């Protein structure tokens, strides 16, 4: 295996899932169980494994952290601000989808202490730059006619 003499960024994925509850649109968030930002809410997501595509990583992370599966995810933006993650240089590929299966229940798992639905107009303080990530997903969902 060849190694390069210069640093490389880490690549992550975020999976934003929406649902309609009554008249409200809600987004699924996880409470971080580990530092950095332990205890704050964030989009489900994480690091891409060496043997998977970004879309597969987004689906895996969503399932591991929330128990939600079978969602069609659409890539909508890449976030790459230099200081977006205090640990190291991290670039995130963001995906969004709409949950139509009302029988699925979100539960925190893996490194997510909790998973919960929040009305898009009443979000808690978010970790990293996830205020921008969620805002981008909301615009994407509106453009697609999901809500």
N, C-alpha and C. Protein backbone atom coordinates (compact mmCIF):
# COMPACT_ATOMS: atom_id res chain seq x y z
N UNK A 1 0.85 -1.18 0.00
CA UNK A 1 0.00 0.00 0.00
C UNK A 1 0.89 1.24 0.00
N UNK A 2 0.56 2.19 -0.84
CA UNK A 2 1.34 3.42 -0.96
C UNK A 2 0.80 4.45 0.03
N UNK A 3 1.68 5.13 0.72
CA UNK A 3 1.26 6.21 1.60
C UNK A 3 1.84 7.52 1.10
N UNK A 4 1.13 8.59 1.36
CA UNK A 4 1.53 9.91 0.91
C UNK A 4 2.13 10.68 2.08
N UNK A 5 3.07 11.59 1.81
CA UNK A 5 3.72 12.34 2.88
C UNK A 5 2.91 13.53 3.39
N UNK A 6 1.69 13.71 2.92
CA UNK A 6 0.90 14.84 3.37
C UNK A 6 -0.42 14.34 3.98
N UNK A 7 -0.99 15.12 4.90
CA UNK A 7 -2.23 14.68 5.58
C UNK A 7 -3.41 14.65 4.63
N UNK A 8 -4.37 13.82 4.98
CA UNK A 8 -5.61 13.70 4.21
C UNK A 8 -6.80 13.96 5.13
N UNK A 9 -7.85 14.52 4.56
CA UNK A 9 -9.04 14.75 5.38
C UNK A 9 -9.81 13.45 5.62
N UNK A 10 -10.55 13.44 6.72
CA UNK A 10 -11.49 12.34 6.98
C UNK A 10 -12.76 12.64 6.19
N UNK A 11 -13.46 11.60 5.77
CA UNK A 11 -14.71 11.77 5.04
C UNK A 11 -15.84 11.10 5.82
N UNK A 12 -16.90 11.85 6.04
CA UNK A 12 -18.05 11.35 6.77
C UNK A 12 -19.31 11.52 5.93
N UNK A 13 -20.41 10.99 6.44
CA UNK A 13 -21.72 11.17 5.84
C UNK A 13 -22.70 11.61 6.92
N UNK A 14 -23.72 12.34 6.51
CA UNK A 14 -24.84 12.70 7.38
C UNK A 14 -26.11 12.28 6.67
N UNK A 15 -27.07 11.75 7.43
CA UNK A 15 -28.34 11.27 6.87
C UNK A 15 -29.50 11.99 7.54
N UNK A 16 -30.11 12.91 6.82
CA UNK A 16 -31.23 13.69 7.34
C UNK A 16 -32.52 13.05 6.87
N UNK A 17 -33.33 12.63 7.82
CA UNK A 17 -34.60 11.98 7.50
C UNK A 17 -35.74 12.83 8.05
N UNK A 18 -36.74 13.03 7.22
CA UNK A 18 -37.92 13.81 7.58
C UNK A 18 -39.14 12.91 7.64
N UNK A 19 -40.15 13.37 8.37
CA UNK A 19 -41.46 12.74 8.35
C UNK A 19 -42.50 13.83 8.60
N UNK A 20 -43.72 13.53 8.23
CA UNK A 20 -44.82 14.44 8.52
C UNK A 20 -45.61 13.85 9.68
N UNK A 21 -45.84 14.70 10.69
CA UNK A 21 -46.60 14.30 11.86
C UNK A 21 -47.70 15.34 12.06
N UNK A 22 -48.93 14.95 11.73
CA UNK A 22 -50.03 15.92 11.75
C UNK A 22 -49.77 16.97 10.69
N UNK A 23 -49.72 18.24 11.11
CA UNK A 23 -49.44 19.33 10.17
C UNK A 23 -47.96 19.70 10.15
N UNK A 24 -47.15 19.04 10.97
CA UNK A 24 -45.75 19.44 11.10
C UNK A 24 -44.81 18.50 10.37
N UNK A 25 -43.73 19.09 9.87
CA UNK A 25 -42.63 18.30 9.33
C UNK A 25 -41.58 18.19 10.42
N UNK A 26 -41.10 16.98 10.63
CA UNK A 26 -40.10 16.73 11.66
C UNK A 26 -38.84 16.15 11.03
N UNK A 27 -37.71 16.39 11.69
CA UNK A 27 -36.43 15.84 11.27
C UNK A 27 -35.90 14.96 12.41
N UNK A 28 -35.27 13.86 12.03
CA UNK A 28 -34.72 12.91 12.99
C UNK A 28 -33.30 13.32 13.36
N UNK A 29 -33.06 13.48 14.66
CA UNK A 29 -31.73 13.82 15.17
C UNK A 29 -31.30 12.81 16.22
N UNK A 30 -29.98 12.75 16.45
CA UNK A 30 -29.45 11.88 17.51
C UNK A 30 -28.74 12.73 18.54
N UNK A 31 -28.78 12.27 19.78
CA UNK A 31 -28.00 12.92 20.84
C UNK A 31 -26.66 12.21 20.89
N UNK A 32 -25.58 12.97 20.73
CA UNK A 32 -24.24 12.39 20.69
C UNK A 32 -23.89 11.77 22.04
N UNK A 33 -23.40 10.53 21.97
CA UNK A 33 -22.99 9.82 23.18
C UNK A 33 -21.51 9.95 23.49
N UNK A 34 -20.74 10.51 22.55
CA UNK A 34 -19.29 10.62 22.71
C UNK A 34 -18.82 12.04 22.37
N UNK A 35 -17.65 12.41 22.90
CA UNK A 35 -17.06 13.69 22.50
C UNK A 35 -16.62 13.62 21.04
N UNK A 36 -16.47 14.70 20.34
CA UNK A 36 -16.81 16.04 20.82
C UNK A 36 -18.31 16.27 20.77
N UNK A 37 -18.73 17.26 21.49
CA UNK A 37 -20.15 17.66 21.54
C UNK A 37 -21.05 16.60 22.19
N UNK A 38 -20.48 15.81 23.10
CA UNK A 38 -21.28 14.80 23.80
C UNK A 38 -22.49 15.49 24.45
N UNK A 39 -23.67 14.89 24.26
CA UNK A 39 -24.90 15.43 24.83
C UNK A 39 -25.64 16.41 23.94
N UNK A 40 -25.01 16.86 22.87
CA UNK A 40 -25.71 17.75 21.94
C UNK A 40 -26.36 16.92 20.83
N UNK A 41 -27.34 17.52 20.19
CA UNK A 41 -28.06 16.87 19.10
C UNK A 41 -27.31 17.08 17.79
N UNK A 42 -27.44 16.12 16.89
CA UNK A 42 -26.75 16.17 15.59
C UNK A 42 -27.51 15.32 14.59
N UNK A 43 -27.13 15.47 13.34
CA UNK A 43 -27.66 14.59 12.30
C UNK A 43 -27.05 13.21 12.48
N UNK A 44 -27.81 12.15 12.23
CA UNK A 44 -27.20 10.81 12.24
C UNK A 44 -26.11 10.75 11.17
N UNK A 45 -25.02 10.11 11.50
CA UNK A 45 -23.94 10.00 10.52
C UNK A 45 -22.65 9.54 11.14
N UNK A 46 -21.62 9.47 10.32
CA UNK A 46 -20.33 9.05 10.81
C UNK A 46 -19.36 8.81 9.67
N UNK A 47 -18.26 8.17 10.00
CA UNK A 47 -17.17 7.96 9.07
C UNK A 47 -17.48 6.86 8.05
N UNK A 48 -17.01 7.07 6.83
CA UNK A 48 -17.16 6.08 5.77
C UNK A 48 -16.09 5.01 5.95
N UNK A 49 -16.50 3.75 5.93
CA UNK A 49 -15.54 2.65 5.99
C UNK A 49 -14.82 2.54 4.65
N UNK A 50 -13.62 1.97 4.67
CA UNK A 50 -12.80 1.87 3.47
C UNK A 50 -13.44 1.02 2.37
N UNK A 51 -14.35 0.14 2.74
CA UNK A 51 -14.92 -0.79 1.75
C UNK A 51 -16.39 -0.49 1.42
N UNK A 52 -16.84 0.76 1.61
CA UNK A 52 -18.23 1.08 1.31
C UNK A 52 -18.34 2.41 0.57
N UNK A 53 -19.43 2.56 -0.15
CA UNK A 53 -19.70 3.81 -0.84
C UNK A 53 -20.26 4.82 0.16
N UNK A 54 -20.23 6.10 -0.17
CA UNK A 54 -20.85 7.08 0.73
C UNK A 54 -22.33 6.80 0.98
N UNK A 55 -23.09 6.42 -0.05
CA UNK A 55 -24.51 6.13 0.15
C UNK A 55 -24.71 4.94 1.09
N UNK A 56 -23.91 3.90 0.92
CA UNK A 56 -24.00 2.75 1.83
C UNK A 56 -23.64 3.15 3.26
N UNK A 57 -22.65 4.02 3.41
CA UNK A 57 -22.26 4.49 4.74
C UNK A 57 -23.40 5.28 5.38
N UNK A 58 -24.07 6.12 4.60
CA UNK A 58 -25.18 6.91 5.13
C UNK A 58 -26.31 5.99 5.62
N UNK A 59 -26.63 4.97 4.84
CA UNK A 59 -27.68 4.02 5.23
C UNK A 59 -27.26 3.22 6.46
N UNK A 60 -25.98 2.81 6.51
CA UNK A 60 -25.49 2.05 7.66
C UNK A 60 -25.53 2.89 8.93
N UNK A 61 -25.01 4.11 8.84
CA UNK A 61 -24.99 4.99 10.02
C UNK A 61 -26.40 5.30 10.50
N UNK A 62 -27.32 5.55 9.57
CA UNK A 62 -28.71 5.82 9.94
C UNK A 62 -29.29 4.62 10.68
N UNK A 63 -29.06 3.43 10.18
CA UNK A 63 -29.58 2.22 10.83
C UNK A 63 -28.93 2.00 12.20
N UNK A 64 -27.60 2.16 12.28
CA UNK A 64 -26.90 1.92 13.54
C UNK A 64 -27.32 2.91 14.62
N UNK A 65 -27.49 4.17 14.25
CA UNK A 65 -27.75 5.20 15.26
C UNK A 65 -29.21 5.45 15.55
N UNK A 66 -30.11 5.03 14.65
CA UNK A 66 -31.54 5.32 14.86
C UNK A 66 -32.46 4.11 14.70
N UNK A 67 -31.97 3.04 14.10
CA UNK A 67 -32.81 1.88 13.81
C UNK A 67 -33.69 2.05 12.58
N UNK A 68 -33.62 3.19 11.91
CA UNK A 68 -34.44 3.46 10.73
C UNK A 68 -33.76 2.88 9.50
N UNK A 69 -34.52 2.12 8.71
CA UNK A 69 -33.98 1.48 7.50
C UNK A 69 -34.96 1.65 6.34
N UNK A 70 -34.49 1.31 5.16
CA UNK A 70 -35.35 1.28 3.98
C UNK A 70 -35.71 2.65 3.42
N UNK A 71 -34.97 3.67 3.77
CA UNK A 71 -35.25 5.03 3.29
C UNK A 71 -34.45 5.27 2.02
N UNK A 72 -35.08 5.82 1.01
CA UNK A 72 -34.34 6.25 -0.18
C UNK A 72 -33.67 7.58 0.16
N UNK A 73 -32.35 7.59 0.09
CA UNK A 73 -31.59 8.79 0.43
C UNK A 73 -31.05 9.44 -0.83
N UNK A 74 -31.06 10.77 -0.83
CA UNK A 74 -30.59 11.56 -1.96
C UNK A 74 -29.45 12.46 -1.50
N UNK A 75 -28.33 12.41 -2.20
CA UNK A 75 -27.21 13.28 -1.87
C UNK A 75 -27.58 14.72 -2.24
N UNK A 76 -27.42 15.65 -1.28
CA UNK A 76 -27.82 17.02 -1.58
C UNK A 76 -26.71 18.05 -1.41
N UNK A 77 -25.65 17.76 -0.68
CA UNK A 77 -24.59 18.76 -0.51
C UNK A 77 -23.37 18.12 0.14
N UNK A 78 -22.23 18.76 -0.06
CA UNK A 78 -20.99 18.38 0.62
C UNK A 78 -20.57 19.56 1.48
N UNK A 79 -20.28 19.29 2.75
CA UNK A 79 -19.86 20.32 3.69
C UNK A 79 -18.37 20.15 3.97
N UNK A 80 -17.61 21.23 3.79
CA UNK A 80 -16.17 21.10 3.90
C UNK A 80 -15.45 22.27 4.54
N UNK A 81 -16.13 23.05 5.38
CA UNK A 81 -15.44 24.14 6.07
C UNK A 81 -14.25 23.56 6.84
N UNK A 82 -13.16 24.29 6.83
CA UNK A 82 -11.91 23.78 7.41
C UNK A 82 -12.06 23.47 8.90
N UNK A 83 -12.84 24.24 9.63
CA UNK A 83 -12.93 24.07 11.08
C UNK A 83 -14.23 23.43 11.54
N UNK A 84 -14.88 22.66 10.71
CA UNK A 84 -16.21 22.12 11.05
C UNK A 84 -16.16 21.01 12.11
N UNK A 85 -15.00 20.38 12.31
CA UNK A 85 -14.84 19.31 13.30
C UNK A 85 -13.58 19.62 14.12
N UNK A 86 -13.70 19.76 15.44
CA UNK A 86 -12.53 20.12 16.24
C UNK A 86 -11.46 19.04 16.32
N UNK A 87 -11.78 17.81 15.90
CA UNK A 87 -10.80 16.72 15.99
C UNK A 87 -9.78 16.75 14.86
N UNK A 88 -10.24 17.08 13.65
CA UNK A 88 -9.38 17.04 12.47
C UNK A 88 -10.14 17.57 11.27
N UNK A 89 -9.48 17.62 10.16
CA UNK A 89 -10.10 18.08 8.91
C UNK A 89 -11.10 17.03 8.45
N UNK A 90 -12.38 17.40 8.36
CA UNK A 90 -13.44 16.46 8.01
C UNK A 90 -14.35 17.05 6.95
N UNK A 91 -14.59 16.27 5.92
CA UNK A 91 -15.52 16.63 4.86
C UNK A 91 -16.71 15.69 4.97
N UNK A 92 -17.92 16.23 4.92
CA UNK A 92 -19.11 15.40 5.05
C UNK A 92 -20.00 15.49 3.82
N UNK A 93 -20.44 14.34 3.35
CA UNK A 93 -21.38 14.23 2.25
C UNK A 93 -22.76 14.03 2.87
N UNK A 94 -23.68 14.95 2.58
CA UNK A 94 -24.98 14.93 3.23
C UNK A 94 -26.05 14.34 2.32
N UNK A 95 -26.92 13.55 2.94
CA UNK A 95 -28.04 12.88 2.25
C UNK A 95 -29.33 13.24 2.98
N UNK A 96 -30.43 13.21 2.24
CA UNK A 96 -31.74 13.45 2.84
C UNK A 96 -32.76 12.47 2.28
N UNK A 97 -33.76 12.16 3.09
CA UNK A 97 -34.82 11.26 2.68
C UNK A 97 -36.08 11.53 3.47
N UNK A 98 -37.18 10.99 2.97
CA UNK A 98 -38.50 11.17 3.61
C UNK A 98 -39.01 9.83 4.08
N UNK A 99 -39.34 9.73 5.36
CA UNK A 99 -39.88 8.50 5.94
C UNK A 99 -41.39 8.47 5.73
N UNK A 100 -41.86 7.46 5.02
CA UNK A 100 -43.30 7.29 4.82
C UNK A 100 -43.86 6.15 5.63
N UNK A 101 -42.99 5.30 6.18
CA UNK A 101 -43.38 4.13 6.97
C UNK A 101 -43.57 4.55 8.42
N UNK A 102 -44.80 4.81 8.81
CA UNK A 102 -45.07 5.30 10.16
C UNK A 102 -44.91 4.22 11.23
N UNK A 103 -44.70 2.97 10.82
CA UNK A 103 -44.50 1.89 11.80
C UNK A 103 -43.08 1.85 12.34
N UNK A 104 -42.13 2.48 11.65
CA UNK A 104 -40.75 2.46 12.13
C UNK A 104 -40.59 3.40 13.33
N UNK A 105 -39.90 2.91 14.34
CA UNK A 105 -39.66 3.68 15.56
C UNK A 105 -38.17 3.97 15.65
N UNK A 106 -37.83 5.22 15.90
CA UNK A 106 -36.43 5.62 16.03
C UNK A 106 -35.96 5.38 17.46
N UNK A 107 -34.82 4.71 17.59
CA UNK A 107 -34.21 4.48 18.90
C UNK A 107 -32.70 4.70 18.78
N UNK A 108 -32.13 5.32 19.79
CA UNK A 108 -30.69 5.56 19.78
C UNK A 108 -29.91 4.26 19.87
N UNK A 109 -28.84 4.17 19.10
CA UNK A 109 -27.99 2.98 19.12
C UNK A 109 -26.57 3.35 18.73
N UNK A 110 -25.66 2.41 18.84
CA UNK A 110 -24.25 2.60 18.53
C UNK A 110 -23.72 3.74 19.39
N UNK A 111 -23.18 4.80 18.79
CA UNK A 111 -22.65 5.91 19.59
C UNK A 111 -23.66 7.04 19.79
N UNK A 112 -24.92 6.80 19.45
CA UNK A 112 -25.99 7.77 19.69
C UNK A 112 -26.68 7.42 21.01
N UNK A 113 -26.67 8.35 21.94
CA UNK A 113 -27.30 8.11 23.24
C UNK A 113 -28.82 8.05 23.12
N UNK A 114 -29.35 8.71 22.09
CA UNK A 114 -30.80 8.83 21.94
C UNK A 114 -31.10 9.25 20.51
N UNK A 115 -32.29 8.97 20.04
CA UNK A 115 -32.77 9.45 18.73
C UNK A 115 -34.17 10.02 18.96
N UNK A 116 -34.45 11.17 18.33
CA UNK A 116 -35.75 11.80 18.52
C UNK A 116 -36.10 12.66 17.32
N UNK A 117 -37.42 12.86 17.16
CA UNK A 117 -37.95 13.70 16.07
C UNK A 117 -38.18 15.11 16.60
N UNK A 118 -37.81 16.11 15.79
CA UNK A 118 -37.99 17.51 16.15
C UNK A 118 -38.69 18.24 15.02
N UNK A 119 -39.67 19.10 15.35
CA UNK A 119 -40.26 19.94 14.31
C UNK A 119 -39.17 20.80 13.67
N UNK A 120 -39.20 20.95 12.36
CA UNK A 120 -38.12 21.67 11.67
C UNK A 120 -38.02 23.13 12.12
N UNK A 121 -39.09 23.69 12.66
CA UNK A 121 -39.05 25.07 13.14
C UNK A 121 -38.67 25.21 14.60
N UNK A 122 -38.41 24.08 15.28
CA UNK A 122 -38.11 24.12 16.72
C UNK A 122 -36.94 23.18 17.04
N UNK A 123 -35.80 23.45 16.46
CA UNK A 123 -34.65 22.58 16.64
C UNK A 123 -33.85 22.95 17.88
N UNK A 124 -33.26 21.95 18.54
CA UNK A 124 -32.38 22.24 19.68
C UNK A 124 -31.04 22.75 19.17
N UNK A 125 -30.16 23.24 20.06
CA UNK A 125 -28.80 23.58 19.63
C UNK A 125 -28.13 22.32 19.06
N UNK A 126 -27.42 22.49 17.95
CA UNK A 126 -26.85 21.35 17.23
C UNK A 126 -25.32 21.36 17.27
N UNK A 127 -24.74 20.16 17.23
CA UNK A 127 -23.29 19.97 17.23
C UNK A 127 -22.69 20.33 15.87
N UNK A 128 -21.38 20.49 15.85
CA UNK A 128 -20.62 20.76 14.63
C UNK A 128 -21.26 21.94 13.88
N UNK A 129 -21.41 21.80 12.57
CA UNK A 129 -22.09 22.80 11.73
C UNK A 129 -23.45 22.28 11.30
N UNK A 130 -24.05 21.43 12.13
CA UNK A 130 -25.28 20.76 11.73
C UNK A 130 -26.48 21.68 11.62
N UNK A 131 -26.38 22.92 12.13
CA UNK A 131 -27.44 23.88 11.84
C UNK A 131 -27.48 24.14 10.33
N UNK A 132 -26.31 24.23 9.70
CA UNK A 132 -26.24 24.42 8.25
C UNK A 132 -26.65 23.14 7.51
N UNK A 133 -26.24 22.00 8.02
CA UNK A 133 -26.55 20.71 7.38
C UNK A 133 -28.07 20.48 7.39
N UNK A 134 -28.71 20.74 8.52
CA UNK A 134 -30.16 20.57 8.62
C UNK A 134 -30.88 21.61 7.75
N UNK A 135 -30.42 22.86 7.78
CA UNK A 135 -31.05 23.90 6.97
C UNK A 135 -30.97 23.55 5.48
N UNK A 136 -29.84 23.02 5.04
CA UNK A 136 -29.70 22.60 3.65
C UNK A 136 -30.65 21.47 3.30
N UNK A 137 -30.82 20.53 4.22
CA UNK A 137 -31.72 19.40 3.98
C UNK A 137 -33.17 19.87 3.92
N UNK A 138 -33.53 20.85 4.75
CA UNK A 138 -34.89 21.39 4.72
C UNK A 138 -35.17 22.03 3.36
N UNK A 139 -34.24 22.82 2.86
CA UNK A 139 -34.41 23.43 1.53
C UNK A 139 -34.52 22.35 0.45
N UNK A 140 -33.67 21.34 0.54
CA UNK A 140 -33.70 20.24 -0.42
C UNK A 140 -35.06 19.54 -0.39
N UNK A 141 -35.56 19.24 0.81
CA UNK A 141 -36.86 18.57 0.95
C UNK A 141 -38.01 19.42 0.41
N UNK A 142 -37.95 20.71 0.65
CA UNK A 142 -39.00 21.60 0.12
C UNK A 142 -38.95 21.63 -1.41
N UNK A 143 -37.74 21.69 -1.96
CA UNK A 143 -37.59 21.70 -3.41
C UNK A 143 -38.13 20.41 -4.06
N UNK A 144 -38.03 19.30 -3.33
CA UNK A 144 -38.52 18.02 -3.84
C UNK A 144 -40.02 17.84 -3.61
N UNK A 145 -40.65 18.76 -2.86
CA UNK A 145 -42.08 18.68 -2.59
C UNK A 145 -42.43 17.72 -1.48
N UNK A 146 -41.47 17.41 -0.61
CA UNK A 146 -41.77 16.49 0.50
C UNK A 146 -42.66 17.14 1.54
N UNK A 147 -42.56 18.45 1.67
CA UNK A 147 -43.34 19.20 2.67
C UNK A 147 -43.44 20.64 2.25
